[in-house]
Structures are given as structure tokens and as C-alpha cells.
Amino acid sequence: MKDSVETGLPSRVASATGSPEFLALSVDGRHLCAVTSEEDEYWIVTRILA
């Protein structure tokens, strides 16, 4: 996946919502990326869908 606007997507999301959490799906629907935070940890999950 590529952020077509610029770099720093989690930072931009956090400045708008107060949290860096987001979910992104590629245009073809095959690649999923999610970022979440829990207490003082950050989790990045990626998945290729068949």
C-alpha cells in the first residue's frame, strides 16, 4: 500500500483524531494494514487476502 498524499499517515491520523489507529485496504482489496495502540504498545497488523 502507498499513502498517495505524503508520508506519516499515523501522525496525520493522530493529529486529526487524537489516536494513531487506522485501517487501510488496498484498491484491489487484497492487502490489509491496521495500526492500533493498547496502553503503551503499538500493534501493526498486515494481511494478504486471497
PDB file of N, CA and C in Angstrom:
ATOM      1  N   MET A   1       0.838  -1.163   0.000  1.00  0.00           N
ATOM      2  CA  MET A   1       0.000   0.000   0.000  1.00  0.00           C
ATOM      3  C   MET A   1       0.885   1.230   0.000  1.00  0.00           C
ATOM      4  N   LYS A   2       0.380   2.288  -0.526  1.00  0.00           N
ATOM      5  CA  LYS A   2       1.121   3.532  -0.589  1.00  0.00           C
ATOM      6  C   LYS A   2       0.196   4.674  -0.210  1.00  0.00           C
ATOM      7  N   ASP A   3       0.700   5.529   0.639  1.00  0.00           N
ATOM      8  CA  ASP A   3      -0.029   6.737   1.004  1.00  0.00           C
ATOM      9  C   ASP A   3       0.207   7.739  -0.113  1.00  0.00           C
ATOM     10  N   SER A   4      -0.801   8.009  -0.905  1.00  0.00           N
ATOM     11  CA  SER A   4      -0.623   8.851  -2.089  1.00  0.00           C
ATOM     12  C   SER A   4      -0.463  10.332  -1.766  1.00  0.00           C
ATOM     13  N   VAL A   5      -0.757  10.731  -0.539  1.00  0.00           N
ATOM     14  CA  VAL A   5      -0.661  12.143  -0.184  1.00  0.00           C
ATOM     15  C   VAL A   5       0.762  12.507   0.229  1.00  0.00           C
ATOM     16  N   GLU A   6       1.304  11.818   1.200  1.00  0.00           N
ATOM     17  CA  GLU A   6       2.650  12.053   1.714  1.00  0.00           C
ATOM     18  C   GLU A   6       2.978  10.973   2.728  1.00  0.00           C
ATOM     19  N   THR A   7       4.078  11.100   3.426  1.00  0.00           N
ATOM     20  CA  THR A   7       4.427  10.120   4.456  1.00  0.00           C
ATOM     21  C   THR A   7       3.812  10.528   5.789  1.00  0.00           C
ATOM     22  N   GLY A   8       3.900   9.634   6.766  1.00  0.00           N
ATOM     23  CA  GLY A   8       3.450   9.954   8.110  1.00  0.00           C
ATOM     24  C   GLY A   8       1.962   9.785   8.347  1.00  0.00           C
ATOM     25  N   LEU A   9       1.354   8.783   7.711  1.00  0.00           N
ATOM     26  CA  LEU A   9      -0.086   8.585   7.872  1.00  0.00           C
ATOM     27  C   LEU A   9      -0.502   8.461   9.339  1.00  0.00           C
ATOM     28  N   PRO A  10       0.153   7.618  10.177  1.00  0.00           N
ATOM     29  CA  PRO A  10      -0.280   7.543  11.579  1.00  0.00           C
ATOM     30  C   PRO A  10      -0.225   8.894  12.292  1.00  0.00           C
ATOM     31  N   SER A  11       0.786   9.695  11.999  1.00  0.00           N
ATOM     32  CA  SER A  11       0.887  11.020  12.623  1.00  0.00           C
ATOM     33  C   SER A  11      -0.247  11.933  12.173  1.00  0.00           C
ATOM     34  N   ARG A  12      -0.590  11.876  10.902  1.00  0.00           N
ATOM     35  CA  ARG A  12      -1.692  12.705  10.400  1.00  0.00           C
ATOM     36  C   ARG A  12      -3.022  12.258  10.982  1.00  0.00           C
ATOM     37  N   VAL A  13      -3.223  10.942  11.088  1.00  0.00           N
ATOM     38  CA  VAL A  13      -4.456  10.419  11.687  1.00  0.00           C
ATOM     39  C   VAL A  13      -4.531  10.849  13.154  1.00  0.00           C
ATOM     40  N   ALA A  14      -3.424  10.710  13.888  1.00  0.00           N
ATOM     41  CA  ALA A  14      -3.397  11.073  15.307  1.00  0.00           C
ATOM     42  C   ALA A  14      -3.681  12.551  15.518  1.00  0.00           C
ATOM     43  N   SER A  15      -3.168  13.406  14.641  1.00  0.00           N
ATOM     44  CA  SER A  15      -3.426  14.836  14.813  1.00  0.00           C
ATOM     45  C   SER A  15      -4.901  15.169  14.574  1.00  0.00           C
ATOM     46  N   ALA A  16      -5.571  14.407  13.738  1.00  0.00           N
ATOM     47  CA  ALA A  16      -6.984  14.654  13.451  1.00  0.00           C
ATOM     48  C   ALA A  16      -7.919  13.999  14.462  1.00  0.00           C
ATOM     49  N   THR A  17      -7.549  12.807  14.960  1.00  0.00           N
ATOM     50  CA  THR A  17      -8.466  12.044  15.819  1.00  0.00           C
ATOM     51  C   THR A  17      -7.994  11.894  17.259  1.00  0.00           C
ATOM     52  N   GLY A  18      -6.714  12.198  17.516  1.00  0.00           N
ATOM     53  CA  GLY A  18      -6.164  12.009  18.861  1.00  0.00           C
ATOM     54  C   GLY A  18      -5.609  10.615  19.081  1.00  0.00           C
ATOM     55  N   SER A  19      -5.636   9.766  18.057  1.00  0.00           N
ATOM     56  CA  SER A  19      -5.145   8.392  18.151  1.00  0.00           C
ATOM     57  C   SER A  19      -4.535   7.988  16.811  1.00  0.00           C
ATOM     58  N   PRO A  20      -3.425   7.221  16.831  1.00  0.00           N
ATOM     59  CA  PRO A  20      -2.795   6.816  15.570  1.00  0.00           C
ATOM     60  C   PRO A  20      -3.463   5.610  14.917  1.00  0.00           C
ATOM     61  N   GLU A  21      -4.583   5.157  15.443  1.00  0.00           N
ATOM     62  CA  GLU A  21      -5.205   3.938  14.944  1.00  0.00           C
ATOM     63  C   GLU A  21      -5.865   4.154  13.586  1.00  0.00           C
ATOM     64  N   PHE A  22      -5.630   3.213  12.669  1.00  0.00           N
ATOM     65  CA  PHE A  22      -6.285   3.274  11.366  1.00  0.00           C
ATOM     66  C   PHE A  22      -6.312   1.893  10.740  1.00  0.00           C
ATOM     67  N   LEU A  23      -7.139   1.749   9.732  1.00  0.00           N
ATOM     68  CA  LEU A  23      -7.278   0.527   8.954  1.00  0.00           C
ATOM     69  C   LEU A  23      -7.233   0.933   7.494  1.00  0.00           C
ATOM     70  N   ALA A  24      -6.400   0.236   6.707  1.00  0.00           N
ATOM     71  CA  ALA A  24      -6.285   0.563   5.283  1.00  0.00           C
ATOM     72  C   ALA A  24      -6.409  -0.718   4.469  1.00  0.00           C
ATOM     73  N   LEU A  25      -7.099  -0.594   3.343  1.00  0.00           N
ATOM     74  CA  LEU A  25      -7.277  -1.707   2.422  1.00  0.00           C
ATOM     75  C   LEU A  25      -6.815  -1.246   1.050  1.00  0.00           C
ATOM     76  N   SER A  26      -6.031  -2.072   0.370  1.00  0.00           N
ATOM     77  CA  SER A  26      -5.550  -1.704  -0.953  1.00  0.00           C
ATOM     78  C   SER A  26      -6.711  -1.597  -1.933  1.00  0.00           C
ATOM     79  N   VAL A  27      -6.472  -0.902  -3.030  1.00  0.00           N
ATOM     80  CA  VAL A  27      -7.508  -0.687  -4.030  1.00  0.00           C
ATOM     81  C   VAL A  27      -8.043  -2.005  -4.573  1.00  0.00           C
ATOM     82  N   ASP A  28      -7.165  -3.005  -4.739  1.00  0.00           N
ATOM     83  CA  ASP A  28      -7.617  -4.299  -5.265  1.00  0.00           C
ATOM     84  C   ASP A  28      -8.237  -5.192  -4.189  1.00  0.00           C
ATOM     85  N   GLY A  29      -8.251  -4.724  -2.926  1.00  0.00           N
ATOM     86  CA  GLY A  29      -8.878  -5.471  -1.847  1.00  0.00           C
ATOM     87  C   GLY A  29      -8.096  -6.672  -1.352  1.00  0.00           C
ATOM     88  N   ARG A  30      -6.829  -6.789  -1.736  1.00  0.00           N
ATOM     89  CA  ARG A  30      -6.047  -7.967  -1.355  1.00  0.00           C
ATOM     90  C   ARG A  30      -5.108  -7.723  -0.181  1.00  0.00           C
ATOM     91  N   HIS A  31      -4.772  -6.486   0.122  1.00  0.00           N
ATOM     92  CA  HIS A  31      -3.814  -6.184   1.181  1.00  0.00           C
ATOM     93  C   HIS A  31      -4.467  -5.307   2.249  1.00  0.00           C
ATOM     94  N   LEU A  32      -4.329  -5.746   3.491  1.00  0.00           N
ATOM     95  CA  LEU A  32      -4.924  -5.060   4.621  1.00  0.00           C
ATOM     96  C   LEU A  32      -3.814  -4.647   5.578  1.00  0.00           C
ATOM     97  N   CYS A  33      -3.906  -3.450   6.118  1.00  0.00           N
ATOM     98  CA  CYS A  33      -2.954  -2.971   7.112  1.00  0.00           C
ATOM     99  C   CYS A  33      -3.743  -2.242   8.193  1.00  0.00           C
ATOM    100  N   ALA A  34      -3.445  -2.555   9.441  1.00  0.00           N
ATOM    101  CA  ALA A  34      -4.126  -1.903  10.555  1.00  0.00           C
ATOM    102  C   ALA A  34      -3.102  -1.541  11.620  1.00  0.00           C
ATOM    103  N   VAL A  35      -3.306  -0.406  12.254  1.00  0.00           N
ATOM    104  CA  VAL A  35      -2.452   0.045  13.352  1.00  0.00           C
ATOM    105  C   VAL A  35      -3.362   0.342  14.526  1.00  0.00           C
ATOM    106  N   THR A  36      -3.001  -0.179  15.678  1.00  0.00           N
ATOM    107  CA  THR A  36      -3.778   0.071  16.888  1.00  0.00           C
ATOM    108  C   THR A  36      -2.824   0.256  18.058  1.00  0.00           C
ATOM    109  N   SER A  37      -3.312   0.848  19.116  1.00  0.00           N
ATOM    110  CA  SER A  37      -2.488   1.029  20.312  1.00  0.00           C
ATOM    111  C   SER A  37      -3.243   0.473  21.508  1.00  0.00           C
ATOM    112  N   GLU A  38      -2.460  -0.094  22.424  1.00  0.00           N
ATOM    113  CA  GLU A  38      -3.035  -0.637  23.651  1.00  0.00           C
ATOM    114  C   GLU A  38      -2.077  -0.316  24.778  1.00  0.00           C
ATOM    115  N   GLU A  39      -2.535   0.488  25.728  1.00  0.00           N
ATOM    116  CA  GLU A  39      -1.697   1.003  26.804  1.00  0.00           C
ATOM    117  C   GLU A  39      -0.479   1.689  26.190  1.00  0.00           C
ATOM    118  N   ASP A  40       0.761   1.218  26.433  1.00  0.00           N
ATOM    119  CA  ASP A  40       1.918   1.888  25.827  1.00  0.00           C
ATOM    120  C   ASP A  40       2.539   1.049  24.721  1.00  0.00           C
ATOM    121  N   GLU A  41       1.761   0.236  24.042  1.00  0.00           N
ATOM    122  CA  GLU A  41       2.255  -0.570  22.932  1.00  0.00           C
ATOM    123  C   GLU A  41       1.485  -0.228  21.663  1.00  0.00           C
ATOM    124  N   TYR A  42       2.167  -0.377  20.543  1.00  0.00           N
ATOM    125  CA  TYR A  42       1.542  -0.186  19.237  1.00  0.00           C
ATOM    126  C   TYR A  42       1.585  -1.504  18.488  1.00  0.00           C
ATOM    127  N   TRP A  43       0.513  -1.831  17.816  1.00  0.00           N
ATOM    128  CA  TRP A  43       0.421  -3.069  17.047  1.00  0.00           C
ATOM    129  C   TRP A  43       0.199  -2.724  15.579  1.00  0.00           C
ATOM    130  N   ILE A  44       0.972  -3.353  14.711  1.00  0.00           N
ATOM    131  CA  ILE A  44       0.794  -3.210  13.274  1.00  0.00           C
ATOM    132  C   ILE A  44       0.457  -4.581  12.740  1.00  0.00           C
ATOM    133  N   VAL A  45      -0.678  -4.682  12.076  1.00  0.00           N
ATOM    134  CA  VAL A  45      -1.149  -5.965  11.546  1.00  0.00           C
ATOM    135  C   VAL A  45      -1.249  -5.837  10.038  1.00  0.00           C
ATOM    136  N   THR A  46      -0.657  -6.792   9.329  1.00  0.00           N
ATOM    137  CA  THR A  46      -0.788  -6.831   7.872  1.00  0.00           C
ATOM    138  C   THR A  46      -1.311  -8.184   7.472  1.00  0.00           C
ATOM    139  N   ARG A  47      -2.043  -8.210   6.384  1.00  0.00           N
ATOM    140  CA  ARG A  47      -2.627  -9.469   5.924  1.00  0.00           C
ATOM    141  C   ARG A  47      -2.821  -9.400   4.414  1.00  0.00           C
ATOM    142  N   ILE A  48      -2.481 -10.485   3.736  1.00  0.00           N
ATOM    143  CA  ILE A  48      -2.759 -10.609   2.315  1.00  0.00           C
ATOM    144  C   ILE A  48      -3.979 -11.519   2.193  1.00  0.00           C
ATOM    145  N   LEU A  49      -5.019 -11.004   1.579  1.00  0.00           N
ATOM    146  CA  LEU A  49      -6.271 -11.745   1.439  1.00  0.00           C
ATOM    147  C   LEU A  49      -6.293 -12.436   0.079  1.00  0.00           C
ATOM    148  N   ALA A  50      -6.744 -13.656   0.065  1.00  0.00           N
ATOM    149  CA  ALA A  50      -6.778 -14.411  -1.192  1.00  0.00           C
ATOM    150  C   ALA A  50      -7.941 -14.039  -2.060  1.00  0.00           C
TER     151      ALA A  50
END
